[in-house]
Amino acid sequence: MYPEAIVKPMKNELTSKGFKEILTPEDADNAVKSSGTALIVINSVCGCAAGSARPGVILSLMNEKKPQHLFTVFAGVDKEATAQVRKYLLPYPPSSPSIALFKDGKLVHFVERHHIEGRTAEMLAEHLKEVYNQYC
């Protein structure tokens, strides 16, 4: 478990932009089962979360089409909630950071860590905008 003082600013980066925290397994179930489109960001303390994932996701929301619901869960902190979200991501292996788009409770797109590492926030944002244009 990471100290709250370290994690709080990383959580706030998304929650200050309208993302709701998933803190329990029940929150995870409700987030995934949202009607319409739901974006779930599995946040983490790693450098690619700070340099690409969080900024890229925020930039991606500057698009005409975007998910109706925004959620985030923090890997390594909200362990039970993260484990529950990951059940809905099977057969993909655990990956953090990662980004999942659900539509009416079904996973329609998943961005794994290896698709985030080495890419800029702008590259990730453009990819997500294309995904939103297709599914949202």
N, C-alpha and C. Protein backbone atom coordinates (compact mmCIF):
# COMPACT_ATOMS: atom_id res chain seq x y z
N MET A 1 0.85 -1.18 0.00
CA MET A 1 0.00 0.00 0.00
C MET A 1 0.89 1.24 0.00
N TYR A 2 0.55 2.17 -0.86
CA TYR A 2 1.31 3.40 -0.95
C TYR A 2 0.78 4.41 0.06
N PRO A 3 1.65 5.28 0.58
CA PRO A 3 1.18 6.31 1.51
C PRO A 3 0.20 7.27 0.83
N GLU A 4 -0.83 7.66 1.58
CA GLU A 4 -1.88 8.55 1.06
C GLU A 4 -1.29 9.84 0.49
N ALA A 5 -0.26 10.38 1.14
CA ALA A 5 0.35 11.64 0.69
C ALA A 5 0.93 11.51 -0.72
N ILE A 6 1.39 10.33 -1.08
CA ILE A 6 1.94 10.11 -2.43
C ILE A 6 0.83 9.91 -3.44
N VAL A 7 -0.19 9.16 -3.06
CA VAL A 7 -1.24 8.75 -3.99
C VAL A 7 -2.27 9.85 -4.24
N LYS A 8 -2.56 10.66 -3.24
CA LYS A 8 -3.64 11.64 -3.36
C LYS A 8 -3.51 12.55 -4.58
N PRO A 9 -2.35 13.15 -4.84
CA PRO A 9 -2.25 14.01 -6.04
C PRO A 9 -2.47 13.24 -7.35
N MET A 10 -2.07 11.96 -7.35
CA MET A 10 -2.26 11.14 -8.56
C MET A 10 -3.74 10.82 -8.77
N LYS A 11 -4.45 10.60 -7.67
CA LYS A 11 -5.90 10.38 -7.76
C LYS A 11 -6.58 11.68 -8.18
N ASN A 12 -6.18 12.79 -7.57
CA ASN A 12 -6.81 14.08 -7.84
C ASN A 12 -6.65 14.53 -9.29
N GLU A 13 -5.59 14.09 -9.93
CA GLU A 13 -5.38 14.46 -11.33
C GLU A 13 -6.59 14.04 -12.18
N LEU A 14 -7.19 12.90 -11.84
CA LEU A 14 -8.37 12.43 -12.58
C LEU A 14 -9.68 12.86 -11.91
N THR A 15 -9.76 12.76 -10.61
CA THR A 15 -11.03 13.11 -9.94
C THR A 15 -11.36 14.59 -10.12
N SER A 16 -10.35 15.43 -10.22
CA SER A 16 -10.61 16.86 -10.43
C SER A 16 -11.17 17.14 -11.83
N LYS A 17 -11.07 16.15 -12.71
CA LYS A 17 -11.60 16.27 -14.08
C LYS A 17 -12.91 15.50 -14.25
N GLY A 18 -13.52 15.09 -13.14
CA GLY A 18 -14.82 14.47 -13.20
C GLY A 18 -14.86 12.96 -13.08
N PHE A 19 -13.72 12.32 -12.90
CA PHE A 19 -13.70 10.87 -12.72
C PHE A 19 -14.15 10.53 -11.31
N LYS A 20 -15.01 9.53 -11.21
CA LYS A 20 -15.48 9.05 -9.91
C LYS A 20 -14.60 7.88 -9.49
N GLU A 21 -14.23 7.87 -8.21
CA GLU A 21 -13.39 6.79 -7.72
C GLU A 21 -14.18 5.51 -7.51
N ILE A 22 -13.55 4.42 -7.88
CA ILE A 22 -14.06 3.09 -7.58
C ILE A 22 -13.27 2.63 -6.37
N LEU A 23 -13.94 2.50 -5.23
CA LEU A 23 -13.26 2.18 -3.98
C LEU A 23 -13.61 0.80 -3.43
N THR A 24 -14.69 0.21 -3.93
CA THR A 24 -15.14 -1.09 -3.44
C THR A 24 -15.49 -2.00 -4.61
N PRO A 25 -15.59 -3.30 -4.37
CA PRO A 25 -16.04 -4.19 -5.43
C PRO A 25 -17.44 -3.82 -5.94
N GLU A 26 -18.30 -3.36 -5.07
CA GLU A 26 -19.64 -2.95 -5.47
C GLU A 26 -19.58 -1.73 -6.40
N ASP A 27 -18.69 -0.79 -6.08
CA ASP A 27 -18.49 0.37 -6.96
C ASP A 27 -18.04 -0.10 -8.35
N ALA A 28 -17.17 -1.11 -8.38
CA ALA A 28 -16.67 -1.64 -9.65
C ALA A 28 -17.80 -2.24 -10.46
N ASP A 29 -18.64 -3.05 -9.81
CA ASP A 29 -19.78 -3.65 -10.51
C ASP A 29 -20.70 -2.58 -11.08
N ASN A 30 -20.99 -1.57 -10.28
CA ASN A 30 -21.88 -0.49 -10.72
C ASN A 30 -21.28 0.31 -11.87
N ALA A 31 -19.98 0.56 -11.82
CA ALA A 31 -19.31 1.30 -12.88
C ALA A 31 -19.38 0.55 -14.20
N VAL A 32 -19.02 -0.72 -14.16
CA VAL A 32 -19.02 -1.53 -15.38
C VAL A 32 -20.42 -1.65 -15.96
N LYS A 33 -21.41 -1.78 -15.09
CA LYS A 33 -22.78 -2.01 -15.54
C LYS A 33 -23.53 -0.72 -15.85
N SER A 34 -22.83 0.40 -15.89
CA SER A 34 -23.46 1.67 -16.25
C SER A 34 -24.09 1.56 -17.63
N SER A 35 -25.26 2.18 -17.79
CA SER A 35 -25.85 2.19 -19.12
C SER A 35 -25.08 3.19 -19.98
N GLY A 36 -24.99 2.90 -21.24
CA GLY A 36 -24.21 3.76 -22.14
C GLY A 36 -22.74 3.41 -22.06
N THR A 37 -21.90 4.41 -22.22
CA THR A 37 -20.45 4.18 -22.24
C THR A 37 -19.81 4.60 -20.93
N ALA A 38 -18.86 3.78 -20.48
CA ALA A 38 -18.14 4.04 -19.24
C ALA A 38 -16.65 3.81 -19.46
N LEU A 39 -15.86 4.81 -19.17
CA LEU A 39 -14.41 4.72 -19.25
C LEU A 39 -13.88 4.44 -17.85
N ILE A 40 -13.04 3.42 -17.72
CA ILE A 40 -12.42 3.11 -16.44
C ILE A 40 -10.92 3.15 -16.63
N VAL A 41 -10.27 4.02 -15.85
CA VAL A 41 -8.82 4.14 -15.86
C VAL A 41 -8.28 3.43 -14.63
N ILE A 42 -7.43 2.42 -14.86
CA ILE A 42 -6.73 1.79 -13.75
C ILE A 42 -5.44 2.58 -13.58
N ASN A 43 -5.42 3.38 -12.54
CA ASN A 43 -4.35 4.32 -12.25
C ASN A 43 -3.22 3.61 -11.51
N SER A 44 -2.02 4.18 -11.55
CA SER A 44 -0.88 3.63 -10.81
C SER A 44 0.16 4.71 -10.57
N VAL A 45 1.18 4.35 -9.78
CA VAL A 45 2.21 5.31 -9.42
C VAL A 45 3.36 5.35 -10.43
N CYS A 46 3.34 4.51 -11.44
CA CYS A 46 4.47 4.42 -12.36
C CYS A 46 4.62 5.66 -13.24
N GLY A 47 5.77 5.76 -13.85
CA GLY A 47 6.07 6.91 -14.71
C GLY A 47 5.19 7.01 -15.93
N CYS A 48 4.79 5.87 -16.51
CA CYS A 48 3.95 5.96 -17.71
C CYS A 48 2.53 6.39 -17.35
N ALA A 49 2.11 6.18 -16.12
CA ALA A 49 0.81 6.70 -15.68
C ALA A 49 0.88 8.22 -15.59
N ALA A 50 1.98 8.72 -15.03
CA ALA A 50 2.16 10.16 -14.86
C ALA A 50 2.44 10.88 -16.17
N GLY A 51 3.25 10.27 -17.02
CA GLY A 51 3.67 10.95 -18.24
C GLY A 51 2.74 10.79 -19.42
N SER A 52 2.03 9.65 -19.48
CA SER A 52 1.19 9.38 -20.65
C SER A 52 -0.27 9.10 -20.31
N ALA A 53 -0.52 8.17 -19.39
CA ALA A 53 -1.89 7.70 -19.18
C ALA A 53 -2.81 8.80 -18.66
N ARG A 54 -2.49 9.37 -17.50
CA ARG A 54 -3.40 10.38 -16.94
C ARG A 54 -3.52 11.60 -17.85
N PRO A 55 -2.40 12.19 -18.30
CA PRO A 55 -2.55 13.35 -19.19
C PRO A 55 -3.23 13.00 -20.51
N GLY A 56 -2.97 11.81 -21.04
CA GLY A 56 -3.57 11.40 -22.30
C GLY A 56 -5.07 11.21 -22.19
N VAL A 57 -5.50 10.61 -21.09
CA VAL A 57 -6.93 10.42 -20.88
C VAL A 57 -7.62 11.78 -20.75
N ILE A 58 -7.02 12.69 -20.01
CA ILE A 58 -7.61 14.03 -19.84
C ILE A 58 -7.69 14.75 -21.19
N LEU A 59 -6.64 14.69 -21.97
CA LEU A 59 -6.65 15.31 -23.31
C LEU A 59 -7.70 14.68 -24.21
N SER A 60 -7.90 13.38 -24.06
CA SER A 60 -8.85 12.69 -24.93
C SER A 60 -10.28 13.17 -24.75
N LEU A 61 -10.56 13.75 -23.61
CA LEU A 61 -11.92 14.22 -23.34
C LEU A 61 -12.25 15.52 -24.06
N MET A 62 -11.25 16.10 -24.72
CA MET A 62 -11.49 17.29 -25.54
C MET A 62 -11.88 16.80 -26.93
N ASN A 63 -13.03 16.17 -26.97
CA ASN A 63 -13.53 15.55 -28.19
C ASN A 63 -15.05 15.69 -28.18
N GLU A 64 -15.64 15.83 -29.36
CA GLU A 64 -17.10 15.96 -29.42
C GLU A 64 -17.78 14.74 -28.82
N LYS A 65 -17.31 13.55 -29.20
CA LYS A 65 -17.85 12.32 -28.63
C LYS A 65 -16.92 11.87 -27.51
N LYS A 66 -17.52 11.51 -26.37
CA LYS A 66 -16.74 11.01 -25.25
C LYS A 66 -17.62 10.14 -24.38
N PRO A 67 -17.01 9.34 -23.50
CA PRO A 67 -17.79 8.45 -22.65
C PRO A 67 -18.76 9.22 -21.76
N GLN A 68 -19.90 8.59 -21.50
CA GLN A 68 -20.91 9.21 -20.64
C GLN A 68 -20.51 9.18 -19.17
N HIS A 69 -19.77 8.15 -18.79
CA HIS A 69 -19.39 7.97 -17.39
C HIS A 69 -17.87 7.80 -17.31
N LEU A 70 -17.26 8.44 -16.31
CA LEU A 70 -15.81 8.39 -16.12
C LEU A 70 -15.51 7.85 -14.73
N PHE A 71 -14.66 6.80 -14.67
CA PHE A 71 -14.31 6.17 -13.41
C PHE A 71 -12.81 5.92 -13.35
N THR A 72 -12.31 5.81 -12.13
CA THR A 72 -10.92 5.45 -11.93
C THR A 72 -10.78 4.60 -10.67
N VAL A 73 -9.85 3.68 -10.74
CA VAL A 73 -9.51 2.83 -9.60
C VAL A 73 -7.99 2.82 -9.52
N PHE A 74 -7.45 2.78 -8.30
CA PHE A 74 -6.00 2.87 -8.13
C PHE A 74 -5.41 1.52 -7.76
N ALA A 75 -4.64 0.95 -8.70
CA ALA A 75 -3.97 -0.33 -8.46
C ALA A 75 -2.96 -0.18 -7.34
N GLY A 76 -2.88 -1.18 -6.48
CA GLY A 76 -1.93 -1.15 -5.37
C GLY A 76 -2.44 -0.37 -4.17
N VAL A 77 -3.61 0.25 -4.29
CA VAL A 77 -4.20 1.00 -3.19
C VAL A 77 -5.59 0.45 -2.90
N ASP A 78 -6.45 0.53 -3.90
CA ASP A 78 -7.82 0.03 -3.78
C ASP A 78 -7.84 -1.40 -4.33
N LYS A 79 -7.23 -2.30 -3.58
CA LYS A 79 -6.93 -3.64 -4.09
C LYS A 79 -8.17 -4.45 -4.44
N GLU A 80 -9.16 -4.49 -3.55
CA GLU A 80 -10.35 -5.30 -3.82
C GLU A 80 -11.14 -4.72 -5.00
N ALA A 81 -11.22 -3.41 -5.06
CA ALA A 81 -11.93 -2.75 -6.16
C ALA A 81 -11.22 -3.01 -7.49
N THR A 82 -9.89 -2.92 -7.47
CA THR A 82 -9.11 -3.18 -8.68
C THR A 82 -9.29 -4.63 -9.13
N ALA A 83 -9.25 -5.54 -8.19
CA ALA A 83 -9.43 -6.96 -8.52
C ALA A 83 -10.79 -7.20 -9.15
N GLN A 84 -11.81 -6.51 -8.66
CA GLN A 84 -13.16 -6.68 -9.22
C GLN A 84 -13.24 -6.11 -10.63
N VAL A 85 -12.65 -4.94 -10.86
CA VAL A 85 -12.63 -4.38 -12.22
C VAL A 85 -11.93 -5.34 -13.16
N ARG A 86 -10.83 -5.92 -12.71
CA ARG A 86 -10.04 -6.80 -13.58
C ARG A 86 -10.81 -8.06 -13.97
N LYS A 87 -11.77 -8.48 -13.17
CA LYS A 87 -12.59 -9.63 -13.55
C LYS A 87 -13.34 -9.35 -14.85
N TYR A 88 -13.71 -8.10 -15.04
CA TYR A 88 -14.44 -7.73 -16.26
C TYR A 88 -13.52 -7.54 -17.46
N LEU A 89 -12.21 -7.58 -17.23
CA LEU A 89 -11.25 -7.35 -18.30
C LEU A 89 -10.67 -8.66 -18.86
N LEU A 90 -11.07 -9.78 -18.28
CA LEU A 90 -10.57 -11.06 -18.76
C LEU A 90 -10.96 -11.26 -20.21
N PRO A 91 -10.12 -11.82 -21.04
CA PRO A 91 -8.92 -12.59 -20.74
C PRO A 91 -7.63 -11.78 -20.66
N TYR A 92 -7.74 -10.45 -20.66
CA TYR A 92 -6.53 -9.64 -20.55
C TYR A 92 -5.90 -9.83 -19.17
N PRO A 93 -4.56 -9.92 -19.13
CA PRO A 93 -3.89 -10.05 -17.83
C PRO A 93 -3.91 -8.70 -17.09
N PRO A 94 -3.68 -8.73 -15.77
CA PRO A 94 -3.62 -7.47 -15.02
C PRO A 94 -2.60 -6.52 -15.63
N SER A 95 -2.98 -5.26 -15.72
CA SER A 95 -2.15 -4.26 -16.37
C SER A 95 -2.45 -2.91 -15.74
N SER A 96 -1.41 -2.25 -15.27
CA SER A 96 -1.63 -0.91 -14.75
C SER A 96 -0.41 -0.05 -15.06
N PRO A 97 -0.67 1.13 -15.57
CA PRO A 97 -1.98 1.69 -15.86
C PRO A 97 -2.61 0.99 -17.07
N SER A 98 -3.91 1.14 -17.16
CA SER A 98 -4.63 0.66 -18.33
C SER A 98 -5.95 1.42 -18.41
N ILE A 99 -6.60 1.29 -19.56
CA ILE A 99 -7.81 2.07 -19.83
C ILE A 99 -8.81 1.15 -20.51
N ALA A 100 -10.02 1.10 -19.94
CA ALA A 100 -11.06 0.23 -20.49
C ALA A 100 -12.29 1.05 -20.84
N LEU A 101 -12.87 0.76 -21.98
CA LEU A 101 -14.13 1.37 -22.37
C LEU A 101 -15.20 0.28 -22.42
N PHE A 102 -16.27 0.51 -21.67
CA PHE A 102 -17.40 -0.40 -21.65
C PHE A 102 -18.59 0.28 -22.30
N LYS A 103 -19.39 -0.50 -22.98
CA LYS A 103 -20.64 0.01 -23.55
C LYS A 103 -21.75 -0.93 -23.13
N ASP A 104 -22.71 -0.38 -22.38
CA ASP A 104 -23.81 -1.18 -21.85
C ASP A 104 -23.32 -2.45 -21.16
N GLY A 105 -22.26 -2.29 -20.36
CA GLY A 105 -21.74 -3.39 -19.55
C GLY A 105 -20.79 -4.34 -20.25
N LYS A 106 -20.49 -4.10 -21.53
CA LYS A 106 -19.59 -4.98 -22.27
C LYS A 106 -18.30 -4.24 -22.61
N LEU A 107 -17.18 -4.92 -22.41
CA LEU A 107 -15.88 -4.35 -22.77
C LEU A 107 -15.79 -4.23 -24.27
N VAL A 108 -15.57 -3.00 -24.77
CA VAL A 108 -15.46 -2.79 -26.21
C VAL A 108 -14.06 -2.37 -26.64
N HIS A 109 -13.25 -1.90 -25.69
CA HIS A 109 -11.88 -1.51 -26.03
C HIS A 109 -11.04 -1.51 -24.76
N PHE A 110 -9.79 -1.97 -24.89
CA PHE A 110 -8.89 -2.02 -23.75
C PHE A 110 -7.49 -1.60 -24.18
N VAL A 111 -6.91 -0.68 -23.44
CA VAL A 111 -5.55 -0.22 -23.70
C VAL A 111 -4.68 -0.73 -22.55
N GLU A 112 -3.80 -1.66 -22.87
CA GLU A 112 -2.91 -2.24 -21.87
C GLU A 112 -1.69 -1.35 -21.66
N ARG A 113 -0.99 -1.62 -20.57
CA ARG A 113 0.20 -0.84 -20.21
C ARG A 113 1.20 -0.81 -21.37
N HIS A 114 1.41 -1.94 -22.04
CA HIS A 114 2.42 -1.94 -23.11
C HIS A 114 2.00 -1.10 -24.31
N HIS A 115 0.72 -0.69 -24.37
CA HIS A 115 0.28 0.25 -25.41
C HIS A 115 0.39 1.70 -24.94
N ILE A 116 0.70 1.88 -23.66
CA ILE A 116 0.86 3.22 -23.08
C ILE A 116 2.33 3.59 -22.98
N GLU A 117 3.14 2.63 -22.53
CA GLU A 117 4.58 2.87 -22.35
C GLU A 117 5.21 3.31 -23.67
N GLY A 118 6.05 4.33 -23.59
CA GLY A 118 6.78 4.78 -24.76
C GLY A 118 5.98 5.65 -25.72
N ARG A 119 4.73 5.92 -25.38
CA ARG A 119 3.90 6.79 -26.21
C ARG A 119 3.64 8.09 -25.47
N THR A 120 3.46 9.14 -26.20
CA THR A 120 3.20 10.42 -25.58
C THR A 120 1.73 10.51 -25.17
N ALA A 121 1.44 11.45 -24.30
CA ALA A 121 0.06 11.70 -23.89
C ALA A 121 -0.78 12.06 -25.12
N GLU A 122 -0.22 12.82 -26.03
CA GLU A 122 -0.94 13.24 -27.23
C GLU A 122 -1.28 12.04 -28.12
N MET A 123 -0.34 11.10 -28.26
CA MET A 123 -0.59 9.90 -29.06
C MET A 123 -1.71 9.07 -28.45
N LEU A 124 -1.68 8.92 -27.13
CA LEU A 124 -2.72 8.17 -26.44
C LEU A 124 -4.07 8.87 -26.58
N ALA A 125 -4.07 10.18 -26.43
CA ALA A 125 -5.32 10.95 -26.55
C ALA A 125 -5.92 10.77 -27.94
N GLU A 126 -5.12 10.84 -28.98
CA GLU A 126 -5.63 10.68 -30.34
C GLU A 126 -6.21 9.29 -30.54
N HIS A 127 -5.55 8.28 -30.00
CA HIS A 127 -6.07 6.92 -30.10
C HIS A 127 -7.43 6.82 -29.40
N LEU A 128 -7.52 7.35 -28.19
CA LEU A 128 -8.78 7.29 -27.44
C LEU A 128 -9.89 8.06 -28.14
N LYS A 129 -9.58 9.18 -28.75
CA LYS A 129 -10.59 9.94 -29.49
C LYS A 129 -11.17 9.10 -30.62
N GLU A 130 -10.33 8.35 -31.31
CA GLU A 130 -10.80 7.47 -32.38
C GLU A 130 -11.74 6.41 -31.81
N VAL A 131 -11.38 5.88 -30.64
CA VAL A 131 -12.22 4.88 -29.98
C VAL A 131 -13.56 5.48 -29.58
N TYR A 132 -13.54 6.68 -29.02
CA TYR A 132 -14.79 7.37 -28.64
C TYR A 132 -15.66 7.61 -29.87
N ASN A 133 -15.02 8.03 -30.96
CA ASN A 133 -15.80 8.30 -32.18
C ASN A 133 -16.49 7.04 -32.69
N GLN A 134 -15.89 5.90 -32.43
CA GLN A 134 -16.48 4.64 -32.87
C GLN A 134 -17.57 4.14 -31.93
N TYR A 135 -17.39 4.28 -30.62
CA TYR A 135 -18.28 3.64 -29.66
C TYR A 135 -19.20 4.58 -28.88
N CYS A 136 -18.89 5.86 -28.86
CA CYS A 136 -19.67 6.78 -28.02
C CYS A 136 -20.72 7.56 -28.82
